[in-house]
ModelCIF file with pLDDT and N, C-alpha, C, O atoms, coordinates in Angstrom:
data_MODEL
#
_entry.id   MODEL 
#
_entity.id                         1 
_entity.type                       polymer 
_entity.pdbx_number_of_molecules   1 
#
_entity_poly.entity_id                      1 
_entity_poly.type                           'polypeptide(L)' 
_entity_poly.nstd_linkage                   no 
_entity_poly.nstd_monomer                   no 
_entity_poly.pdbx_seq_one_letter_code       RDLPAEIKNKVYDVVFMNPPFYDGTKGSVTDASVKSEHEKSARFAD 
_entity_poly.pdbx_seq_one_letter_code_can   RDLPAEIKNKVYDVVFMNPPFYDGTKGSVTDASVKSEHEKSARFAD 
_entity_poly.pdbx_strand_id                 A 
#
loop_
_entity_poly_seq.entity_id 
_entity_poly_seq.num 
_entity_poly_seq.mon_id 
_entity_poly_seq.hetero 
1 1  ARG n 
1 2  ASP n 
1 3  LEU n 
1 4  PRO n 
1 5  ALA n 
1 6  GLU n 
1 7  ILE n 
1 8  LYS n 
1 9  ASN n 
1 10 LYS n 
1 11 VAL n 
1 12 TYR n 
1 13 ASP n 
1 14 VAL n 
1 15 VAL n 
1 16 PHE n 
1 17 MET n 
1 18 ASN n 
1 19 PRO n 
1 20 PRO n 
1 21 PHE n 
1 22 TYR n 
1 23 ASP n 
1 24 GLY n 
1 25 THR n 
1 26 LYS n 
1 27 GLY n 
1 28 SER n 
1 29 VAL n 
1 30 THR n 
1 31 ASP n 
1 32 ALA n 
1 33 SER n 
1 34 VAL n 
1 35 LYS n 
1 36 SER n 
1 37 GLU n 
1 38 HIS n 
1 39 GLU n 
1 40 LYS n 
1 41 SER n 
1 42 ALA n 
1 43 ARG n 
1 44 PHE n 
1 45 ALA n 
1 46 ASP n 
#
_struct_asym.id          A 
_struct_asym.entity_id   1 
#
loop_
_ma_qa_metric.id 
_ma_qa_metric.mode 
_ma_qa_metric.name 
_ma_qa_metric.software_group_id 
_ma_qa_metric.type 
1 global pLDDT . pLDDT 
2 local  pLDDT . pLDDT 
#
_ma_qa_metric_global.metric_id      1 
_ma_qa_metric_global.metric_value   70.89 
_ma_qa_metric_global.model_id       1 
_ma_qa_metric_global.ordinal_id     1 
#
loop_
_ma_qa_metric_local.label_asym_id 
_ma_qa_metric_local.label_comp_id 
_ma_qa_metric_local.label_seq_id 
_ma_qa_metric_local.metric_id 
_ma_qa_metric_local.metric_value 
_ma_qa_metric_local.model_id 
_ma_qa_metric_local.ordinal_id 
A ARG 1  2 95.00 1 1  
A ASP 2  2 94.00 1 2  
A LEU 3  2 96.00 1 3  
A PRO 4  2 96.00 1 4  
A ALA 5  2 96.00 1 5  
A GLU 6  2 95.00 1 6  
A ILE 7  2 97.00 1 7  
A LYS 8  2 95.00 1 8  
A ASN 9  2 94.00 1 9  
A LYS 10 2 95.00 1 10 
A VAL 11 2 96.00 1 11 
A TYR 12 2 97.00 1 12 
A ASP 13 2 97.00 1 13 
A VAL 14 2 98.00 1 14 
A VAL 15 2 98.00 1 15 
A PHE 16 2 98.00 1 16 
A MET 17 2 97.00 1 17 
A ASN 18 2 96.00 1 18 
A PRO 19 2 95.00 1 19 
A PRO 20 2 87.00 1 20 
A PHE 21 2 65.00 1 21 
A TYR 22 2 67.00 1 22 
A ASP 23 2 63.00 1 23 
A GLY 24 2 56.00 1 24 
A THR 25 2 54.00 1 25 
A LYS 26 2 55.00 1 26 
A GLY 27 2 49.00 1 27 
A SER 28 2 49.00 1 28 
A VAL 29 2 47.00 1 29 
A THR 30 2 49.00 1 30 
A ASP 31 2 49.00 1 31 
A ALA 32 2 54.00 1 32 
A SER 33 2 53.00 1 33 
A VAL 34 2 49.00 1 34 
A LYS 35 2 56.00 1 35 
A SER 36 2 49.00 1 36 
A GLU 37 2 54.00 1 37 
A HIS 38 2 52.00 1 38 
A GLU 39 2 49.00 1 39 
A LYS 40 2 50.00 1 40 
A SER 41 2 49.00 1 41 
A ALA 42 2 47.00 1 42 
A ARG 43 2 44.00 1 43 
A PHE 44 2 43.00 1 44 
A ALA 45 2 45.00 1 45 
A ASP 46 2 52.00 1 46 
#
loop_
_atom_site.group_PDB 
_atom_site.id 
_atom_site.type_symbol 
_atom_site.label_atom_id 
_atom_site.label_alt_id 
_atom_site.label_comp_id 
_atom_site.label_asym_id 
_atom_site.label_entity_id 
_atom_site.label_seq_id 
_atom_site.pdbx_PDB_ins_code 
_atom_site.Cartn_x 
_atom_site.Cartn_y 
_atom_site.Cartn_z 
_atom_site.occupancy 
_atom_site.B_iso_or_equiv 
_atom_site.pdbx_formal_charge 
_atom_site.auth_seq_id 
_atom_site.auth_comp_id 
_atom_site.auth_asym_id 
_atom_site.auth_atom_id 
_atom_site.pdbx_PDB_model_num 
ATOM 1   N N  . ARG A 1 1  ? -40.394 7.559  15.161 1.00 95.00 ? 1  ARG A N  1 
ATOM 2   C CA . ARG A 1 1  ? -39.628 8.875  14.728 1.00 95.00 ? 1  ARG A CA 1 
ATOM 3   C C  . ARG A 1 1  ? -38.234 8.566  15.744 1.00 95.00 ? 1  ARG A C  1 
ATOM 4   O O  . ARG A 1 1  ? -37.141 9.063  15.472 1.00 95.00 ? 1  ARG A O  1 
ATOM 5   N N  . ASP A 1 2  ? -38.442 7.722  16.881 1.00 94.00 ? 2  ASP A N  1 
ATOM 6   C CA . ASP A 1 2  ? -37.521 7.865  17.613 1.00 94.00 ? 2  ASP A CA 1 
ATOM 7   C C  . ASP A 1 2  ? -36.802 6.401  18.112 1.00 94.00 ? 2  ASP A C  1 
ATOM 8   O O  . ASP A 1 2  ? -36.571 6.139  19.293 1.00 94.00 ? 2  ASP A O  1 
ATOM 9   N N  . LEU A 1 3  ? -36.561 5.687  17.196 1.00 96.00 ? 3  LEU A N  1 
ATOM 10  C CA . LEU A 1 3  ? -36.511 4.147  17.448 1.00 96.00 ? 3  LEU A CA 1 
ATOM 11  C C  . LEU A 1 3  ? -35.464 3.957  18.143 1.00 96.00 ? 3  LEU A C  1 
ATOM 12  O O  . LEU A 1 3  ? -34.495 4.699  17.989 1.00 96.00 ? 3  LEU A O  1 
ATOM 13  N N  . PRO A 1 4  ? -35.445 2.763  19.188 1.00 96.00 ? 4  PRO A N  1 
ATOM 14  C CA . PRO A 1 4  ? -34.306 2.509  20.046 1.00 96.00 ? 4  PRO A CA 1 
ATOM 15  C C  . PRO A 1 4  ? -33.091 1.617  19.312 1.00 96.00 ? 4  PRO A C  1 
ATOM 16  O O  . PRO A 1 4  ? -33.325 0.877  18.356 1.00 96.00 ? 4  PRO A O  1 
ATOM 17  N N  . ALA A 1 5  ? -31.724 1.801  19.914 1.00 96.00 ? 5  ALA A N  1 
ATOM 18  C CA . ALA A 1 5  ? -30.621 1.092  19.258 1.00 96.00 ? 5  ALA A CA 1 
ATOM 19  C C  . ALA A 1 5  ? -30.944 -0.073 18.725 1.00 96.00 ? 5  ALA A C  1 
ATOM 20  O O  . ALA A 1 5  ? -30.647 -0.235 17.541 1.00 96.00 ? 5  ALA A O  1 
ATOM 21  N N  . GLU A 1 6  ? -31.446 -0.882 19.264 1.00 95.00 ? 6  GLU A N  1 
ATOM 22  C CA . GLU A 1 6  ? -31.712 -2.234 19.207 1.00 95.00 ? 6  GLU A CA 1 
ATOM 23  C C  . GLU A 1 6  ? -32.281 -2.586 17.491 1.00 95.00 ? 6  GLU A C  1 
ATOM 24  O O  . GLU A 1 6  ? -31.921 -3.451 16.692 1.00 95.00 ? 6  GLU A O  1 
ATOM 25  N N  . ILE A 1 7  ? -33.298 -1.501 17.398 1.00 97.00 ? 7  ILE A N  1 
ATOM 26  C CA . ILE A 1 7  ? -33.895 -1.604 15.852 1.00 97.00 ? 7  ILE A CA 1 
ATOM 27  C C  . ILE A 1 7  ? -33.215 -0.575 14.937 1.00 97.00 ? 7  ILE A C  1 
ATOM 28  O O  . ILE A 1 7  ? -33.259 -0.838 13.735 1.00 97.00 ? 7  ILE A O  1 
ATOM 29  N N  . LYS A 1 8  ? -32.520 0.688  15.356 1.00 95.00 ? 8  LYS A N  1 
ATOM 30  C CA . LYS A 1 8  ? -31.679 1.294  14.235 1.00 95.00 ? 8  LYS A CA 1 
ATOM 31  C C  . LYS A 1 8  ? -30.469 0.590  14.045 1.00 95.00 ? 8  LYS A C  1 
ATOM 32  O O  . LYS A 1 8  ? -29.731 1.078  13.188 1.00 95.00 ? 8  LYS A O  1 
ATOM 33  N N  . ASN A 1 9  ? -30.026 -0.542 14.683 1.00 94.00 ? 9  ASN A N  1 
ATOM 34  C CA . ASN A 1 9  ? -28.736 -1.121 14.373 1.00 94.00 ? 9  ASN A CA 1 
ATOM 35  C C  . ASN A 1 9  ? -29.123 -2.288 13.582 1.00 94.00 ? 9  ASN A C  1 
ATOM 36  O O  . ASN A 1 9  ? -28.233 -3.100 13.331 1.00 94.00 ? 9  ASN A O  1 
ATOM 37  N N  . LYS A 1 10 ? -30.472 -2.535 13.087 1.00 95.00 ? 10 LYS A N  1 
ATOM 38  C CA . LYS A 1 10 ? -30.701 -3.719 12.174 1.00 95.00 ? 10 LYS A CA 1 
ATOM 39  C C  . LYS A 1 10 ? -31.267 -3.174 10.807 1.00 95.00 ? 10 LYS A C  1 
ATOM 40  O O  . LYS A 1 10 ? -31.613 -2.002 10.655 1.00 95.00 ? 10 LYS A O  1 
ATOM 41  N N  . VAL A 1 11 ? -31.333 -4.265 9.701  1.00 96.00 ? 11 VAL A N  1 
ATOM 42  C CA . VAL A 1 11 ? -31.931 -3.979 9.014  1.00 96.00 ? 11 VAL A CA 1 
ATOM 43  C C  . VAL A 1 11 ? -32.778 -5.583 8.703  1.00 96.00 ? 11 VAL A C  1 
ATOM 44  O O  . VAL A 1 11 ? -32.520 -6.734 9.055  1.00 96.00 ? 11 VAL A O  1 
ATOM 45  N N  . TYR A 1 12 ? -33.778 -5.026 7.953  1.00 97.00 ? 12 TYR A N  1 
ATOM 46  C CA . TYR A 1 12 ? -34.860 -6.303 8.228  1.00 97.00 ? 12 TYR A CA 1 
ATOM 47  C C  . TYR A 1 12 ? -35.397 -6.716 6.719  1.00 97.00 ? 12 TYR A C  1 
ATOM 48  O O  . TYR A 1 12 ? -35.546 -5.809 5.900  1.00 97.00 ? 12 TYR A O  1 
ATOM 49  N N  . ASP A 1 13 ? -35.629 -7.809 6.424  1.00 97.00 ? 13 ASP A N  1 
ATOM 50  C CA . ASP A 1 13 ? -36.160 -8.286 5.304  1.00 97.00 ? 13 ASP A CA 1 
ATOM 51  C C  . ASP A 1 13 ? -37.344 -7.834 4.896  1.00 97.00 ? 13 ASP A C  1 
ATOM 52  O O  . ASP A 1 13 ? -37.474 -7.699 3.679  1.00 97.00 ? 13 ASP A O  1 
ATOM 53  N N  . VAL A 1 14 ? -38.368 -7.526 5.681  1.00 98.00 ? 14 VAL A N  1 
ATOM 54  C CA . VAL A 1 14 ? -39.765 -7.164 5.483  1.00 98.00 ? 14 VAL A CA 1 
ATOM 55  C C  . VAL A 1 14 ? -40.295 -6.155 6.550  1.00 98.00 ? 14 VAL A C  1 
ATOM 56  O O  . VAL A 1 14 ? -40.529 -6.425 7.727  1.00 98.00 ? 14 VAL A O  1 
ATOM 57  N N  . VAL A 1 15 ? -40.400 -5.305 6.119  1.00 98.00 ? 15 VAL A N  1 
ATOM 58  C CA . VAL A 1 15 ? -41.152 -4.031 7.127  1.00 98.00 ? 15 VAL A CA 1 
ATOM 59  C C  . VAL A 1 15 ? -42.415 -3.784 6.671  1.00 98.00 ? 15 VAL A C  1 
ATOM 60  O O  . VAL A 1 15 ? -42.700 -3.403 5.535  1.00 98.00 ? 15 VAL A O  1 
ATOM 61  N N  . PHE A 1 16 ? -43.172 -4.008 7.571  1.00 98.00 ? 16 PHE A N  1 
ATOM 62  C CA . PHE A 1 16 ? -44.808 -3.874 7.233  1.00 98.00 ? 16 PHE A CA 1 
ATOM 63  C C  . PHE A 1 16 ? -45.567 -2.914 8.180  1.00 98.00 ? 16 PHE A C  1 
ATOM 64  O O  . PHE A 1 16 ? -45.078 -2.609 9.267  1.00 98.00 ? 16 PHE A O  1 
ATOM 65  N N  . MET A 1 17 ? -46.644 -2.487 7.807  1.00 97.00 ? 17 MET A N  1 
ATOM 66  C CA . MET A 1 17 ? -47.428 -1.322 8.450  1.00 97.00 ? 17 MET A CA 1 
ATOM 67  C C  . MET A 1 17 ? -48.706 -1.057 7.999  1.00 97.00 ? 17 MET A C  1 
ATOM 68  O O  . MET A 1 17 ? -49.055 -1.192 6.827  1.00 97.00 ? 17 MET A O  1 
ATOM 69  N N  . ASN A 1 18 ? -49.467 -0.654 8.974  1.00 96.00 ? 18 ASN A N  1 
ATOM 70  C CA . ASN A 1 18 ? -50.767 -0.205 8.724  1.00 96.00 ? 18 ASN A CA 1 
ATOM 71  C C  . ASN A 1 18 ? -50.797 1.200  9.177  1.00 96.00 ? 18 ASN A C  1 
ATOM 72  O O  . ASN A 1 18 ? -51.319 1.428  10.268 1.00 96.00 ? 18 ASN A O  1 
ATOM 73  N N  . PRO A 1 19 ? -50.218 2.346  8.358  1.00 95.00 ? 19 PRO A N  1 
ATOM 74  C CA . PRO A 1 19 ? -50.238 3.479  8.956  1.00 95.00 ? 19 PRO A CA 1 
ATOM 75  C C  . PRO A 1 19 ? -51.706 4.136  9.110  1.00 95.00 ? 19 PRO A C  1 
ATOM 76  O O  . PRO A 1 19 ? -52.649 3.565  8.561  1.00 95.00 ? 19 PRO A O  1 
ATOM 77  N N  . PRO A 1 20 ? -51.936 5.396  9.888  1.00 87.00 ? 20 PRO A N  1 
ATOM 78  C CA . PRO A 1 20 ? -53.124 6.112  10.103 1.00 87.00 ? 20 PRO A CA 1 
ATOM 79  C C  . PRO A 1 20 ? -53.565 6.361  8.700  1.00 87.00 ? 20 PRO A C  1 
ATOM 80  O O  . PRO A 1 20 ? -52.914 6.903  7.807  1.00 87.00 ? 20 PRO A O  1 
ATOM 81  N N  . PHE A 1 21 ? -55.070 5.763  8.636  1.00 65.00 ? 21 PHE A N  1 
ATOM 82  C CA . PHE A 1 21 ? -55.932 6.056  7.239  1.00 65.00 ? 21 PHE A CA 1 
ATOM 83  C C  . PHE A 1 21 ? -55.718 7.495  6.697  1.00 65.00 ? 21 PHE A C  1 
ATOM 84  O O  . PHE A 1 21 ? -55.430 7.878  5.563  1.00 65.00 ? 21 PHE A O  1 
ATOM 85  N N  . TYR A 1 22 ? -55.977 8.271  8.007  1.00 67.00 ? 22 TYR A N  1 
ATOM 86  C CA . TYR A 1 22 ? -56.412 9.852  7.384  1.00 67.00 ? 22 TYR A CA 1 
ATOM 87  C C  . TYR A 1 22 ? -55.086 10.559 8.005  1.00 67.00 ? 22 TYR A C  1 
ATOM 88  O O  . TYR A 1 22 ? -54.345 10.146 8.898  1.00 67.00 ? 22 TYR A O  1 
ATOM 89  N N  . ASP A 1 23 ? -55.025 11.831 7.197  1.00 63.00 ? 23 ASP A N  1 
ATOM 90  C CA . ASP A 1 23 ? -54.027 12.687 7.618  1.00 63.00 ? 23 ASP A CA 1 
ATOM 91  C C  . ASP A 1 23 ? -54.460 13.796 8.479  1.00 63.00 ? 23 ASP A C  1 
ATOM 92  O O  . ASP A 1 23 ? -53.616 14.673 8.667  1.00 63.00 ? 23 ASP A O  1 
ATOM 93  N N  . GLY A 1 24 ? -55.703 13.942 9.086  1.00 56.00 ? 24 GLY A N  1 
ATOM 94  C CA . GLY A 1 24 ? -56.124 15.166 9.722  1.00 56.00 ? 24 GLY A CA 1 
ATOM 95  C C  . GLY A 1 24 ? -57.150 15.971 9.195  1.00 56.00 ? 24 GLY A C  1 
ATOM 96  O O  . GLY A 1 24 ? -58.043 16.570 9.795  1.00 56.00 ? 24 GLY A O  1 
ATOM 97  N N  . THR A 1 25 ? -56.816 15.880 7.570  1.00 54.00 ? 25 THR A N  1 
ATOM 98  C CA . THR A 1 25 ? -57.628 16.619 7.066  1.00 54.00 ? 25 THR A CA 1 
ATOM 99  C C  . THR A 1 25 ? -58.919 16.199 6.511  1.00 54.00 ? 25 THR A C  1 
ATOM 100 O O  . THR A 1 25 ? -59.873 16.931 6.247  1.00 54.00 ? 25 THR A O  1 
ATOM 101 N N  . LYS A 1 26 ? -58.809 14.674 6.337  1.00 55.00 ? 26 LYS A N  1 
ATOM 102 C CA . LYS A 1 26 ? -59.955 13.803 5.985  1.00 55.00 ? 26 LYS A CA 1 
ATOM 103 C C  . LYS A 1 26 ? -60.328 12.964 7.092  1.00 55.00 ? 26 LYS A C  1 
ATOM 104 O O  . LYS A 1 26 ? -59.508 12.561 7.916  1.00 55.00 ? 26 LYS A O  1 
ATOM 105 N N  . GLY A 1 27 ? -61.733 12.658 7.126  1.00 49.00 ? 27 GLY A N  1 
ATOM 106 C CA . GLY A 1 27 ? -62.107 11.644 8.478  1.00 49.00 ? 27 GLY A CA 1 
ATOM 107 C C  . GLY A 1 27 ? -62.371 12.532 9.393  1.00 49.00 ? 27 GLY A C  1 
ATOM 108 O O  . GLY A 1 27 ? -61.654 13.507 9.618  1.00 49.00 ? 27 GLY A O  1 
ATOM 109 N N  . SER A 1 28 ? -63.509 12.237 10.037 1.00 49.00 ? 28 SER A N  1 
ATOM 110 C CA . SER A 1 28 ? -63.818 12.649 11.559 1.00 49.00 ? 28 SER A CA 1 
ATOM 111 C C  . SER A 1 28 ? -63.108 12.481 12.582 1.00 49.00 ? 28 SER A C  1 
ATOM 112 O O  . SER A 1 28 ? -63.141 11.383 13.137 1.00 49.00 ? 28 SER A O  1 
ATOM 113 N N  . VAL A 1 29 ? -62.352 13.443 13.049 1.00 47.00 ? 29 VAL A N  1 
ATOM 114 C CA . VAL A 1 29 ? -61.778 13.043 14.425 1.00 47.00 ? 29 VAL A CA 1 
ATOM 115 C C  . VAL A 1 29 ? -62.944 12.794 15.732 1.00 47.00 ? 29 VAL A C  1 
ATOM 116 O O  . VAL A 1 29 ? -62.808 12.124 16.755 1.00 47.00 ? 29 VAL A O  1 
ATOM 117 N N  . THR A 1 30 ? -64.123 13.610 15.257 1.00 49.00 ? 30 THR A N  1 
ATOM 118 C CA . THR A 1 30 ? -65.277 13.128 16.467 1.00 49.00 ? 30 THR A CA 1 
ATOM 119 C C  . THR A 1 30 ? -65.997 12.123 16.161 1.00 49.00 ? 30 THR A C  1 
ATOM 120 O O  . THR A 1 30 ? -66.916 11.705 16.865 1.00 49.00 ? 30 THR A O  1 
ATOM 121 N N  . ASP A 1 31 ? -65.611 11.598 14.981 1.00 49.00 ? 31 ASP A N  1 
ATOM 122 C CA . ASP A 1 31 ? -66.776 10.330 14.806 1.00 49.00 ? 31 ASP A CA 1 
ATOM 123 C C  . ASP A 1 31 ? -66.831 9.564  15.802 1.00 49.00 ? 31 ASP A C  1 
ATOM 124 O O  . ASP A 1 31 ? -65.785 9.247  16.369 1.00 49.00 ? 31 ASP A O  1 
ATOM 125 N N  . ALA A 1 32 ? -67.994 9.122  16.214 1.00 54.00 ? 32 ALA A N  1 
ATOM 126 C CA . ALA A 1 32 ? -68.625 8.508  17.455 1.00 54.00 ? 32 ALA A CA 1 
ATOM 127 C C  . ALA A 1 32 ? -67.992 6.792  17.416 1.00 54.00 ? 32 ALA A C  1 
ATOM 128 O O  . ALA A 1 32 ? -68.143 5.945  18.296 1.00 54.00 ? 32 ALA A O  1 
ATOM 129 N N  . SER A 1 33 ? -67.465 6.687  16.466 1.00 53.00 ? 33 SER A N  1 
ATOM 130 C CA . SER A 1 33 ? -66.939 4.926  16.389 1.00 53.00 ? 33 SER A CA 1 
ATOM 131 C C  . SER A 1 33 ? -65.721 5.028  16.955 1.00 53.00 ? 33 SER A C  1 
ATOM 132 O O  . SER A 1 33 ? -65.212 4.026  17.456 1.00 53.00 ? 33 SER A O  1 
ATOM 133 N N  . VAL A 1 34 ? -64.923 6.519  16.963 1.00 49.00 ? 34 VAL A N  1 
ATOM 134 C CA . VAL A 1 34 ? -63.783 6.406  17.631 1.00 49.00 ? 34 VAL A CA 1 
ATOM 135 C C  . VAL A 1 34 ? -63.875 6.429  19.176 1.00 49.00 ? 34 VAL A C  1 
ATOM 136 O O  . VAL A 1 34 ? -64.175 7.515  19.671 1.00 49.00 ? 34 VAL A O  1 
ATOM 137 N N  . LYS A 1 35 ? -63.686 5.513  19.902 1.00 56.00 ? 35 LYS A N  1 
ATOM 138 C CA . LYS A 1 35 ? -64.271 5.671  21.563 1.00 56.00 ? 35 LYS A CA 1 
ATOM 139 C C  . LYS A 1 35 ? -63.068 5.672  22.132 1.00 56.00 ? 35 LYS A C  1 
ATOM 140 O O  . LYS A 1 35 ? -63.098 5.203  23.270 1.00 56.00 ? 35 LYS A O  1 
ATOM 141 N N  . SER A 1 36 ? -62.017 6.024  21.766 1.00 49.00 ? 36 SER A N  1 
ATOM 142 C CA . SER A 1 36 ? -60.862 6.395  22.788 1.00 49.00 ? 36 SER A CA 1 
ATOM 143 C C  . SER A 1 36 ? -59.542 7.072  22.321 1.00 49.00 ? 36 SER A C  1 
ATOM 144 O O  . SER A 1 36 ? -59.197 7.015  21.141 1.00 49.00 ? 36 SER A O  1 
ATOM 145 N N  . GLU A 1 37 ? -58.835 7.692  23.239 1.00 54.00 ? 37 GLU A N  1 
ATOM 146 C CA . GLU A 1 37 ? -57.482 8.337  22.457 1.00 54.00 ? 37 GLU A CA 1 
ATOM 147 C C  . GLU A 1 37 ? -56.724 7.204  21.598 1.00 54.00 ? 37 GLU A C  1 
ATOM 148 O O  . GLU A 1 37 ? -56.404 7.404  20.426 1.00 54.00 ? 37 GLU A O  1 
ATOM 149 N N  . HIS A 1 38 ? -56.488 6.120  22.206 1.00 52.00 ? 38 HIS A N  1 
ATOM 150 C CA . HIS A 1 38 ? -55.705 4.939  21.965 1.00 52.00 ? 38 HIS A CA 1 
ATOM 151 C C  . HIS A 1 38 ? -56.113 4.526  20.490 1.00 52.00 ? 38 HIS A C  1 
ATOM 152 O O  . HIS A 1 38 ? -55.208 4.159  19.740 1.00 52.00 ? 38 HIS A O  1 
ATOM 153 N N  . GLU A 1 39 ? -57.252 4.557  20.086 1.00 49.00 ? 39 GLU A N  1 
ATOM 154 C CA . GLU A 1 39 ? -57.987 4.434  18.729 1.00 49.00 ? 39 GLU A CA 1 
ATOM 155 C C  . GLU A 1 39 ? -58.023 5.488  17.718 1.00 49.00 ? 39 GLU A C  1 
ATOM 156 O O  . GLU A 1 39 ? -57.880 5.234  16.522 1.00 49.00 ? 39 GLU A O  1 
ATOM 157 N N  . LYS A 1 40 ? -58.221 6.726  18.197 1.00 50.00 ? 40 LYS A N  1 
ATOM 158 C CA . LYS A 1 40 ? -57.731 7.852  17.504 1.00 50.00 ? 40 LYS A CA 1 
ATOM 159 C C  . LYS A 1 40 ? -56.278 8.070  16.771 1.00 50.00 ? 40 LYS A C  1 
ATOM 160 O O  . LYS A 1 40 ? -56.027 8.519  15.652 1.00 50.00 ? 40 LYS A O  1 
ATOM 161 N N  . SER A 1 41 ? -55.395 7.577  17.834 1.00 49.00 ? 41 SER A N  1 
ATOM 162 C CA . SER A 1 41 ? -54.021 7.725  17.585 1.00 49.00 ? 41 SER A CA 1 
ATOM 163 C C  . SER A 1 41 ? -53.650 6.445  16.189 1.00 49.00 ? 41 SER A C  1 
ATOM 164 O O  . SER A 1 41 ? -52.875 6.531  15.236 1.00 49.00 ? 41 SER A O  1 
ATOM 165 N N  . ALA A 1 42 ? -54.408 5.536  16.537 1.00 47.00 ? 42 ALA A N  1 
ATOM 166 C CA . ALA A 1 42 ? -54.450 4.549  15.124 1.00 47.00 ? 42 ALA A CA 1 
ATOM 167 C C  . ALA A 1 42 ? -54.766 4.838  13.876 1.00 47.00 ? 42 ALA A C  1 
ATOM 168 O O  . ALA A 1 42 ? -54.247 4.382  12.857 1.00 47.00 ? 42 ALA A O  1 
ATOM 169 N N  . ARG A 1 43 ? -55.877 5.828  13.999 1.00 44.00 ? 43 ARG A N  1 
ATOM 170 C CA . ARG A 1 43 ? -56.402 6.134  12.745 1.00 44.00 ? 43 ARG A CA 1 
ATOM 171 C C  . ARG A 1 43 ? -56.235 7.568  12.321 1.00 44.00 ? 43 ARG A C  1 
ATOM 172 O O  . ARG A 1 43 ? -56.553 7.814  11.158 1.00 44.00 ? 43 ARG A O  1 
ATOM 173 N N  . PHE A 1 44 ? -55.813 8.505  13.026 1.00 43.00 ? 44 PHE A N  1 
ATOM 174 C CA . PHE A 1 44 ? -55.284 9.842  12.575 1.00 43.00 ? 44 PHE A CA 1 
ATOM 175 C C  . PHE A 1 44 ? -53.865 10.111 12.604 1.00 43.00 ? 44 PHE A C  1 
ATOM 176 O O  . PHE A 1 44 ? -53.296 9.696  13.614 1.00 43.00 ? 44 PHE A O  1 
ATOM 177 N N  . ALA A 1 45 ? -53.271 10.606 11.886 1.00 45.00 ? 45 ALA A N  1 
ATOM 178 C CA . ALA A 1 45 ? -51.901 10.902 11.770 1.00 45.00 ? 45 ALA A CA 1 
ATOM 179 C C  . ALA A 1 45 ? -51.760 12.318 12.788 1.00 45.00 ? 45 ALA A C  1 
ATOM 180 O O  . ALA A 1 45 ? -51.600 13.484 12.425 1.00 45.00 ? 45 ALA A O  1 
ATOM 181 N N  . ASP A 1 46 ? -51.873 11.805 14.088 1.00 52.00 ? 46 ASP A N  1 
ATOM 182 C CA . ASP A 1 46 ? -51.249 13.116 14.838 1.00 52.00 ? 46 ASP A CA 1 
ATOM 183 C C  . ASP A 1 46 ? -50.081 12.918 15.660 1.00 52.00 ? 46 ASP A C  1 
ATOM 184 O O  . ASP A 1 46 ? -49.571 13.872 16.247 1.00 52.00 ? 46 ASP A O  1 
#
């Protein structure tokens, strides 16, 4: 949401992503398989 000028000044042929699967209302943020804050941020949209 706050990209640097090097990216803001460009347009791309392909923009790809694997956004967080869960919006915070689905999926358990206390799931034991989520072992770290780093992994949590990848799976949940906080």
